[in-house]
N, C-alpha and C. Protein backbone atom coordinates (compact mmCIF):
# COMPACT_ATOMS: atom_id res chain seq x y z
N UNK A 1 55.39 -146.44 -13.46
CA UNK A 1 54.96 -145.08 -13.37
C UNK A 1 55.42 -144.46 -12.06
N UNK A 2 55.42 -145.27 -11.02
CA UNK A 2 55.90 -144.79 -9.75
C UNK A 2 57.37 -144.44 -9.82
N UNK A 3 58.09 -145.22 -10.58
CA UNK A 3 59.52 -144.97 -10.72
C UNK A 3 59.76 -143.62 -11.38
N UNK A 4 58.98 -143.32 -12.41
CA UNK A 4 59.14 -142.04 -13.13
C UNK A 4 58.79 -140.85 -12.23
N UNK A 5 57.78 -141.05 -11.44
CA UNK A 5 57.38 -139.97 -10.54
C UNK A 5 58.45 -139.71 -9.49
N UNK A 6 58.97 -140.74 -8.93
CA UNK A 6 60.01 -140.60 -7.93
C UNK A 6 61.25 -139.99 -8.58
N UNK A 7 61.56 -140.41 -9.78
CA UNK A 7 62.71 -139.89 -10.50
C UNK A 7 62.51 -138.41 -10.85
N UNK A 8 61.34 -138.03 -11.30
CA UNK A 8 61.04 -136.62 -11.62
C UNK A 8 61.07 -135.77 -10.36
N UNK A 9 60.51 -136.27 -9.28
CA UNK A 9 60.53 -135.53 -8.02
C UNK A 9 61.96 -135.33 -7.55
N UNK A 10 62.77 -136.34 -7.69
CA UNK A 10 64.18 -136.25 -7.29
C UNK A 10 64.92 -135.23 -8.14
N UNK A 11 64.66 -135.23 -9.46
CA UNK A 11 65.31 -134.26 -10.35
C UNK A 11 64.86 -132.83 -10.02
N UNK A 12 63.58 -132.68 -9.77
CA UNK A 12 63.07 -131.34 -9.41
C UNK A 12 63.71 -130.85 -8.12
N UNK A 13 63.79 -131.74 -7.15
CA UNK A 13 64.42 -131.36 -5.88
C UNK A 13 65.89 -131.01 -6.08
N UNK A 14 66.58 -131.74 -6.88
CA UNK A 14 67.99 -131.46 -7.15
C UNK A 14 68.14 -130.10 -7.83
N UNK A 15 67.23 -129.79 -8.76
CA UNK A 15 67.29 -128.49 -9.46
C UNK A 15 67.00 -127.34 -8.49
N UNK A 16 66.03 -127.56 -7.62
CA UNK A 16 65.68 -126.51 -6.67
C UNK A 16 66.86 -126.21 -5.76
N UNK A 17 67.48 -127.22 -5.21
CA UNK A 17 68.58 -127.01 -4.28
C UNK A 17 69.82 -126.45 -4.96
N UNK A 18 70.09 -126.83 -6.15
CA UNK A 18 71.28 -126.31 -6.84
C UNK A 18 71.02 -124.92 -7.42
N UNK A 19 69.81 -124.61 -7.77
CA UNK A 19 69.50 -123.29 -8.33
C UNK A 19 69.49 -122.20 -7.28
N UNK A 20 69.18 -122.48 -6.03
CA UNK A 20 69.10 -121.49 -4.97
C UNK A 20 70.44 -121.26 -4.29
N UNK A 21 71.40 -122.02 -4.64
CA UNK A 21 72.70 -121.93 -3.99
C UNK A 21 73.37 -120.60 -4.37
N UNK A 22 73.84 -119.87 -3.35
CA UNK A 22 74.54 -118.61 -3.59
C UNK A 22 75.92 -118.92 -4.12
N UNK A 23 76.35 -118.03 -5.00
CA UNK A 23 77.67 -118.23 -5.59
C UNK A 23 78.67 -117.33 -4.88
N UNK A 24 79.87 -117.76 -4.84
CA UNK A 24 80.94 -117.01 -4.19
C UNK A 24 81.18 -115.67 -4.89
N UNK A 25 80.98 -115.61 -6.18
CA UNK A 25 81.21 -114.37 -6.93
C UNK A 25 80.20 -113.29 -6.53
N UNK A 26 78.97 -113.70 -6.17
CA UNK A 26 77.98 -112.73 -5.74
C UNK A 26 78.40 -112.09 -4.41
N UNK A 27 78.92 -112.90 -3.49
CA UNK A 27 79.42 -112.37 -2.23
C UNK A 27 80.59 -111.41 -2.46
N UNK A 28 81.46 -111.80 -3.37
CA UNK A 28 82.64 -110.99 -3.67
C UNK A 28 82.22 -109.64 -4.26
N UNK A 29 81.24 -109.63 -5.14
CA UNK A 29 80.76 -108.38 -5.75
C UNK A 29 80.14 -107.47 -4.69
N UNK A 30 79.36 -108.02 -3.79
CA UNK A 30 78.73 -107.23 -2.74
C UNK A 30 79.79 -106.64 -1.81
N UNK A 31 80.81 -107.43 -1.49
CA UNK A 31 81.89 -106.96 -0.63
C UNK A 31 82.65 -105.81 -1.29
N UNK A 32 82.96 -105.96 -2.57
CA UNK A 32 83.70 -104.91 -3.28
C UNK A 32 82.88 -103.63 -3.40
N UNK A 33 81.59 -103.75 -3.60
CA UNK A 33 80.71 -102.59 -3.70
C UNK A 33 80.66 -101.84 -2.36
N UNK A 34 80.56 -102.58 -1.26
CA UNK A 34 80.53 -101.97 0.07
C UNK A 34 81.87 -101.30 0.39
N UNK A 35 82.95 -101.94 0.02
CA UNK A 35 84.28 -101.40 0.26
C UNK A 35 84.48 -100.10 -0.53
N UNK A 36 84.00 -100.04 -1.77
CA UNK A 36 84.12 -98.84 -2.59
C UNK A 36 83.31 -97.69 -1.97
N UNK A 37 82.12 -97.98 -1.47
CA UNK A 37 81.31 -96.95 -0.83
C UNK A 37 81.98 -96.43 0.44
N UNK A 38 82.59 -97.34 1.20
CA UNK A 38 83.29 -96.93 2.43
C UNK A 38 84.50 -96.05 2.09
N UNK A 39 85.24 -96.39 1.05
CA UNK A 39 86.39 -95.58 0.65
C UNK A 39 85.95 -94.20 0.16
N UNK A 40 84.85 -94.15 -0.55
CA UNK A 40 84.34 -92.85 -1.02
C UNK A 40 83.92 -91.99 0.16
N UNK A 41 83.30 -92.58 1.17
CA UNK A 41 82.89 -91.84 2.36
C UNK A 41 84.10 -91.30 3.11
N UNK A 42 85.14 -92.13 3.26
CA UNK A 42 86.36 -91.70 3.94
C UNK A 42 87.05 -90.59 3.17
N UNK A 43 87.04 -90.67 1.86
CA UNK A 43 87.66 -89.62 1.04
C UNK A 43 86.90 -88.30 1.20
N UNK A 44 85.59 -88.38 1.31
CA UNK A 44 84.79 -87.17 1.50
C UNK A 44 85.05 -86.57 2.88
N UNK A 45 85.28 -87.41 3.89
CA UNK A 45 85.58 -86.91 5.22
C UNK A 45 86.94 -86.22 5.25
N UNK A 46 87.92 -86.77 4.54
CA UNK A 46 89.26 -86.20 4.54
C UNK A 46 89.28 -84.84 3.85
N UNK A 47 88.52 -84.69 2.80
CA UNK A 47 88.46 -83.41 2.10
C UNK A 47 87.20 -82.69 2.57
N UNK A 48 87.26 -82.22 3.83
CA UNK A 48 86.10 -81.55 4.40
C UNK A 48 85.74 -80.32 3.61
N UNK A 49 84.48 -80.21 3.34
CA UNK A 49 83.97 -79.03 2.67
C UNK A 49 83.52 -78.07 3.76
N UNK A 50 84.13 -76.88 3.83
CA UNK A 50 83.74 -75.96 4.90
C UNK A 50 82.31 -75.47 4.71
N UNK A 51 81.60 -75.44 5.82
CA UNK A 51 80.23 -74.96 5.81
C UNK A 51 80.26 -73.49 6.18
N UNK A 52 79.76 -72.65 5.32
CA UNK A 52 79.78 -71.22 5.54
C UNK A 52 78.35 -70.75 5.75
N UNK A 53 78.13 -70.09 6.89
CA UNK A 53 76.79 -69.56 7.14
C UNK A 53 76.65 -68.22 6.43
N UNK A 54 75.47 -67.92 5.99
CA UNK A 54 75.29 -66.64 5.29
C UNK A 54 75.45 -65.46 6.23
N UNK A 55 75.96 -64.38 5.70
CA UNK A 55 76.16 -63.17 6.47
C UNK A 55 74.82 -62.47 6.64
N UNK A 56 74.53 -62.11 7.87
CA UNK A 56 73.30 -61.40 8.15
C UNK A 56 73.63 -59.93 8.34
N UNK A 57 73.06 -59.11 7.52
CA UNK A 57 73.33 -57.69 7.62
C UNK A 57 72.33 -57.04 8.56
N UNK A 58 72.78 -56.01 9.23
CA UNK A 58 71.94 -55.25 10.14
C UNK A 58 71.95 -53.80 9.70
N UNK A 59 70.91 -53.08 10.04
CA UNK A 59 70.87 -51.68 9.65
C UNK A 59 72.02 -50.89 10.28
N UNK A 60 72.52 -49.91 9.57
CA UNK A 60 73.64 -49.12 10.04
C UNK A 60 73.24 -48.24 11.21
N UNK A 61 71.99 -47.91 11.34
CA UNK A 61 71.53 -46.97 12.35
C UNK A 61 71.43 -47.58 13.75
N UNK A 62 71.93 -48.80 13.96
CA UNK A 62 71.81 -49.41 15.28
C UNK A 62 72.59 -48.64 16.34
N UNK A 63 73.86 -48.41 16.11
CA UNK A 63 74.68 -47.67 17.04
C UNK A 63 75.41 -46.59 16.25
N UNK A 64 75.21 -45.37 16.64
CA UNK A 64 75.82 -44.26 15.93
C UNK A 64 76.74 -43.52 16.88
N UNK A 65 77.96 -43.28 16.49
CA UNK A 65 78.92 -42.56 17.30
C UNK A 65 78.70 -41.07 17.07
N UNK A 66 78.47 -40.34 18.16
CA UNK A 66 78.19 -38.91 18.05
C UNK A 66 79.49 -38.12 17.95
N UNK A 67 80.36 -38.27 18.93
CA UNK A 67 81.61 -37.54 18.95
C UNK A 67 82.66 -38.47 19.50
N UNK A 68 83.60 -38.88 18.68
CA UNK A 68 84.56 -39.88 19.11
C UNK A 68 85.97 -39.32 19.13
N UNK A 69 86.12 -38.04 19.47
CA UNK A 69 87.43 -37.43 19.52
C UNK A 69 88.26 -38.07 20.62
N UNK A 70 87.64 -38.37 21.75
CA UNK A 70 88.35 -38.94 22.89
C UNK A 70 88.20 -40.46 22.98
N UNK A 71 87.81 -41.10 21.89
CA UNK A 71 87.67 -42.56 21.79
C UNK A 71 86.67 -43.14 22.78
N UNK A 72 85.62 -42.42 23.06
CA UNK A 72 84.55 -42.92 23.92
C UNK A 72 83.31 -43.07 23.04
N UNK A 73 82.80 -44.28 22.97
CA UNK A 73 81.64 -44.55 22.14
C UNK A 73 80.36 -44.07 22.82
N UNK A 74 79.53 -43.44 22.04
CA UNK A 74 78.26 -42.93 22.53
C UNK A 74 77.17 -43.42 21.59
N UNK A 75 76.11 -44.01 22.16
CA UNK A 75 74.98 -44.45 21.34
C UNK A 75 73.98 -43.31 21.20
N UNK A 76 73.45 -43.19 20.02
CA UNK A 76 72.43 -42.17 19.77
C UNK A 76 71.10 -42.88 19.62
N UNK A 77 70.15 -42.52 20.49
CA UNK A 77 68.83 -43.14 20.45
C UNK A 77 67.75 -42.10 20.70
N UNK A 78 66.59 -42.36 20.14
CA UNK A 78 65.41 -41.53 20.40
C UNK A 78 64.66 -42.20 21.55
N UNK A 79 64.59 -41.48 22.68
CA UNK A 79 63.97 -42.04 23.88
C UNK A 79 62.89 -41.10 24.40
N UNK A 80 61.98 -41.66 25.17
CA UNK A 80 60.93 -40.86 25.80
C UNK A 80 60.95 -41.13 27.31
N UNK A 81 60.67 -40.11 28.10
CA UNK A 81 60.73 -40.21 29.55
C UNK A 81 59.58 -41.08 30.08
N UNK A 82 59.91 -42.01 30.97
CA UNK A 82 58.90 -42.85 31.60
C UNK A 82 58.76 -42.47 33.07
N UNK A 83 59.90 -42.33 33.76
CA UNK A 83 59.88 -42.05 35.19
C UNK A 83 61.13 -41.25 35.54
N UNK A 84 60.97 -40.00 35.90
CA UNK A 84 62.12 -39.17 36.28
C UNK A 84 61.87 -37.70 36.00
N UNK A 85 62.90 -36.87 36.28
CA UNK A 85 62.76 -35.42 36.14
C UNK A 85 63.05 -34.94 34.73
N UNK A 86 63.80 -35.64 33.96
CA UNK A 86 64.20 -35.19 32.63
C UNK A 86 65.67 -35.47 32.40
N UNK A 87 66.02 -35.65 31.16
CA UNK A 87 67.41 -35.98 30.85
C UNK A 87 68.02 -34.88 30.00
N UNK A 88 69.35 -34.81 30.06
CA UNK A 88 70.11 -33.84 29.27
C UNK A 88 70.69 -34.56 28.06
N UNK A 89 71.67 -33.92 27.42
CA UNK A 89 72.23 -34.48 26.17
C UNK A 89 72.89 -35.84 26.37
N UNK A 90 73.76 -35.97 27.38
CA UNK A 90 74.51 -37.20 27.59
C UNK A 90 74.07 -37.85 28.90
N UNK A 91 73.77 -39.14 28.83
CA UNK A 91 73.31 -39.87 30.01
C UNK A 91 74.10 -41.16 30.16
N UNK A 92 74.24 -41.61 31.40
CA UNK A 92 74.93 -42.87 31.69
C UNK A 92 73.87 -43.93 31.94
N UNK A 93 73.81 -44.91 31.05
CA UNK A 93 72.84 -46.00 31.15
C UNK A 93 73.51 -47.17 31.86
N UNK A 94 72.86 -47.68 32.92
CA UNK A 94 73.43 -48.81 33.66
C UNK A 94 72.61 -50.08 33.50
N UNK A 95 71.46 -49.99 32.85
CA UNK A 95 70.65 -51.19 32.65
C UNK A 95 69.64 -51.00 31.54
N UNK A 96 69.39 -52.07 30.79
CA UNK A 96 68.38 -52.08 29.73
C UNK A 96 67.49 -53.28 29.93
N UNK A 97 66.18 -53.04 29.94
CA UNK A 97 65.24 -54.12 30.23
C UNK A 97 64.06 -54.06 29.27
N UNK A 98 63.50 -55.21 28.98
CA UNK A 98 62.30 -55.25 28.16
C UNK A 98 61.05 -55.22 29.04
N UNK A 99 61.21 -55.48 30.34
CA UNK A 99 60.11 -55.46 31.29
C UNK A 99 60.30 -54.26 32.21
N UNK A 100 59.30 -53.41 32.31
CA UNK A 100 59.43 -52.17 33.10
C UNK A 100 59.63 -52.45 34.58
N UNK A 101 59.08 -53.54 35.10
CA UNK A 101 59.24 -53.87 36.52
C UNK A 101 60.71 -54.07 36.88
N UNK A 102 61.47 -54.68 35.99
CA UNK A 102 62.90 -54.87 36.23
C UNK A 102 63.62 -53.53 36.24
N UNK A 103 63.24 -52.65 35.32
CA UNK A 103 63.85 -51.32 35.26
C UNK A 103 63.54 -50.53 36.53
N UNK A 104 62.31 -50.63 37.04
CA UNK A 104 61.93 -49.91 38.26
C UNK A 104 62.69 -50.45 39.47
N UNK A 105 62.96 -51.74 39.50
CA UNK A 105 63.74 -52.32 40.60
C UNK A 105 65.15 -51.75 40.63
N UNK A 106 65.79 -51.66 39.46
CA UNK A 106 67.14 -51.10 39.41
C UNK A 106 67.11 -49.61 39.74
N UNK A 107 66.08 -48.91 39.31
CA UNK A 107 65.95 -47.49 39.61
C UNK A 107 65.88 -47.27 41.12
N UNK A 108 65.13 -48.10 41.82
CA UNK A 108 65.02 -47.96 43.28
C UNK A 108 66.36 -48.23 43.97
N UNK A 109 67.09 -49.21 43.49
CA UNK A 109 68.42 -49.48 44.08
C UNK A 109 69.36 -48.30 43.87
N UNK A 110 69.32 -47.70 42.67
CA UNK A 110 70.17 -46.54 42.39
C UNK A 110 69.77 -45.35 43.25
N UNK A 111 68.47 -45.13 43.41
CA UNK A 111 68.00 -44.00 44.23
C UNK A 111 68.42 -44.19 45.68
N UNK A 112 68.36 -45.41 46.19
CA UNK A 112 68.78 -45.66 47.58
C UNK A 112 70.30 -45.50 47.73
N UNK A 113 71.04 -45.61 46.61
CA UNK A 113 72.48 -45.41 46.64
C UNK A 113 72.85 -43.93 46.44
N UNK A 114 71.84 -43.07 46.22
CA UNK A 114 72.11 -41.65 46.13
C UNK A 114 72.11 -41.08 44.72
N UNK A 115 71.78 -41.86 43.73
CA UNK A 115 71.74 -41.36 42.34
C UNK A 115 70.32 -40.86 42.02
N UNK A 116 70.25 -39.93 41.08
CA UNK A 116 68.92 -39.46 40.63
C UNK A 116 68.53 -40.30 39.40
N UNK A 117 68.23 -41.55 39.65
CA UNK A 117 67.96 -42.51 38.57
C UNK A 117 66.64 -42.21 37.88
N UNK A 118 66.64 -42.47 36.57
CA UNK A 118 65.46 -42.22 35.75
C UNK A 118 65.27 -43.38 34.78
N UNK A 119 64.07 -43.50 34.27
CA UNK A 119 63.78 -44.55 33.28
C UNK A 119 63.28 -43.87 32.01
N UNK A 120 63.88 -44.25 30.88
CA UNK A 120 63.43 -43.78 29.57
C UNK A 120 63.14 -45.01 28.73
N UNK A 121 62.36 -44.82 27.68
CA UNK A 121 62.01 -45.95 26.82
C UNK A 121 62.44 -45.66 25.39
N UNK A 122 63.11 -46.65 24.79
CA UNK A 122 63.46 -46.60 23.37
C UNK A 122 62.34 -47.35 22.65
N UNK A 123 61.44 -46.61 22.01
CA UNK A 123 60.29 -47.24 21.36
C UNK A 123 60.69 -48.06 20.13
N UNK A 124 61.80 -47.72 19.49
CA UNK A 124 62.24 -48.47 18.31
C UNK A 124 62.60 -49.90 18.67
N UNK A 125 63.22 -50.09 19.82
CA UNK A 125 63.65 -51.42 20.26
C UNK A 125 62.78 -52.00 21.36
N UNK A 126 61.84 -51.21 21.85
CA UNK A 126 60.95 -51.62 22.95
C UNK A 126 61.77 -52.01 24.18
N UNK A 127 62.71 -51.13 24.54
CA UNK A 127 63.58 -51.37 25.70
C UNK A 127 63.49 -50.20 26.66
N UNK A 128 63.50 -50.52 27.95
CA UNK A 128 63.52 -49.50 29.00
C UNK A 128 64.97 -49.33 29.44
N UNK A 129 65.47 -48.11 29.39
CA UNK A 129 66.85 -47.80 29.78
C UNK A 129 66.83 -47.14 31.16
N UNK A 130 67.66 -47.64 32.06
CA UNK A 130 67.77 -47.05 33.40
C UNK A 130 69.00 -46.14 33.39
N UNK A 131 68.77 -44.86 33.61
CA UNK A 131 69.82 -43.85 33.57
C UNK A 131 70.20 -43.49 35.00
N UNK A 132 71.49 -43.60 35.31
CA UNK A 132 71.97 -43.27 36.66
C UNK A 132 72.24 -41.78 36.80
N UNK A 133 72.79 -41.16 35.76
CA UNK A 133 73.09 -39.73 35.81
C UNK A 133 73.03 -39.16 34.40
N UNK A 134 72.81 -37.85 34.31
CA UNK A 134 72.67 -37.20 33.01
C UNK A 134 73.41 -35.86 33.04
N UNK A 135 74.04 -35.49 31.90
CA UNK A 135 74.91 -34.31 31.84
C UNK A 135 74.71 -33.58 30.52
N UNK A 136 75.13 -32.31 30.53
CA UNK A 136 75.09 -31.53 29.30
C UNK A 136 76.31 -31.77 28.43
N UNK A 137 77.46 -32.07 29.05
CA UNK A 137 78.68 -32.27 28.27
C UNK A 137 79.16 -33.71 28.38
N UNK A 138 79.86 -34.12 27.35
CA UNK A 138 80.31 -35.51 27.24
C UNK A 138 81.38 -35.85 28.28
N UNK A 139 82.28 -34.94 28.56
CA UNK A 139 83.39 -35.21 29.48
C UNK A 139 82.88 -35.58 30.87
N UNK A 140 81.89 -34.87 31.35
CA UNK A 140 81.32 -35.18 32.68
C UNK A 140 80.62 -36.53 32.66
N UNK A 141 79.94 -36.82 31.56
CA UNK A 141 79.25 -38.11 31.44
C UNK A 141 80.25 -39.26 31.41
N UNK A 142 81.37 -39.08 30.73
CA UNK A 142 82.40 -40.12 30.67
C UNK A 142 82.98 -40.36 32.05
N UNK A 143 83.23 -39.29 32.79
CA UNK A 143 83.78 -39.42 34.14
C UNK A 143 82.80 -40.17 35.05
N UNK A 144 81.53 -39.85 34.96
CA UNK A 144 80.51 -40.52 35.77
C UNK A 144 80.39 -41.99 35.37
N UNK A 145 80.43 -42.26 34.07
CA UNK A 145 80.35 -43.64 33.60
C UNK A 145 81.51 -44.47 34.14
N UNK A 146 82.72 -43.89 34.11
CA UNK A 146 83.90 -44.62 34.60
C UNK A 146 83.77 -44.94 36.09
N UNK A 147 83.17 -44.04 36.87
CA UNK A 147 82.96 -44.31 38.30
C UNK A 147 81.90 -45.39 38.49
N UNK A 148 80.86 -45.34 37.69
CA UNK A 148 79.77 -46.32 37.81
C UNK A 148 80.18 -47.71 37.35
N UNK A 149 81.19 -47.81 36.53
CA UNK A 149 81.62 -49.13 36.04
C UNK A 149 82.19 -50.01 37.13
N UNK A 150 82.53 -49.45 38.27
CA UNK A 150 82.95 -50.29 39.40
C UNK A 150 81.80 -51.18 39.85
N UNK A 151 80.60 -50.62 39.89
CA UNK A 151 79.41 -51.37 40.31
C UNK A 151 78.63 -51.94 39.15
N UNK A 152 78.64 -51.24 38.02
CA UNK A 152 77.88 -51.64 36.82
C UNK A 152 78.84 -51.69 35.62
N UNK A 153 79.51 -52.82 35.42
CA UNK A 153 80.55 -52.90 34.38
C UNK A 153 80.04 -52.68 32.95
N UNK A 154 78.76 -52.83 32.72
CA UNK A 154 78.23 -52.66 31.36
C UNK A 154 77.67 -51.26 31.13
N UNK A 155 77.99 -50.30 31.97
CA UNK A 155 77.46 -48.94 31.81
C UNK A 155 77.96 -48.34 30.49
N UNK A 156 77.08 -47.58 29.84
CA UNK A 156 77.43 -46.97 28.56
C UNK A 156 76.77 -45.59 28.44
N UNK A 157 77.25 -44.84 27.44
CA UNK A 157 76.76 -43.47 27.26
C UNK A 157 75.68 -43.41 26.21
N UNK A 158 74.67 -42.58 26.50
CA UNK A 158 73.55 -42.40 25.59
C UNK A 158 73.45 -40.91 25.22
N UNK A 159 73.37 -40.64 23.94
CA UNK A 159 73.08 -39.29 23.47
C UNK A 159 71.62 -39.31 23.04
N UNK A 160 70.80 -38.56 23.76
CA UNK A 160 69.36 -38.61 23.47
C UNK A 160 69.03 -37.64 22.36
N UNK A 161 68.35 -38.17 21.35
CA UNK A 161 67.92 -37.39 20.20
C UNK A 161 66.59 -36.75 20.56
N UNK A 162 66.49 -35.47 20.36
CA UNK A 162 65.25 -34.77 20.70
C UNK A 162 64.24 -34.91 19.59
């Protein structure tokens, strides 16, 4: 009986060790599957699909050209006086700020330089505009803007809507 037990235990052990043995074909299949996935990834990289971001539209009323006969762009905005004597039709804006303290600082620098600087507010955009000079006609405003661009390169013209 001991012989049969030892023989059965030996057969069971032999079956266990031979049944758990990995086969070469299993390794080959796994390798081929990984290689196919790698080739598919490389093919996808070679044929790049362009990513296109959606176009964001903005309202047309953002910047309106009033009179562009002389190729000078003028923004049309509805503004209200915050600090100053009053503005005319065309004004030269040298700074735009969302914080009034910044606008007042630029206004003081302009006043010390000899300009009659004023501050107006565009309520639609919640921005304070610092105006260096204001004129009734566009030609004078363009000339003043061109002179101010030496010190303030981003100066632009504003047509104030009443």
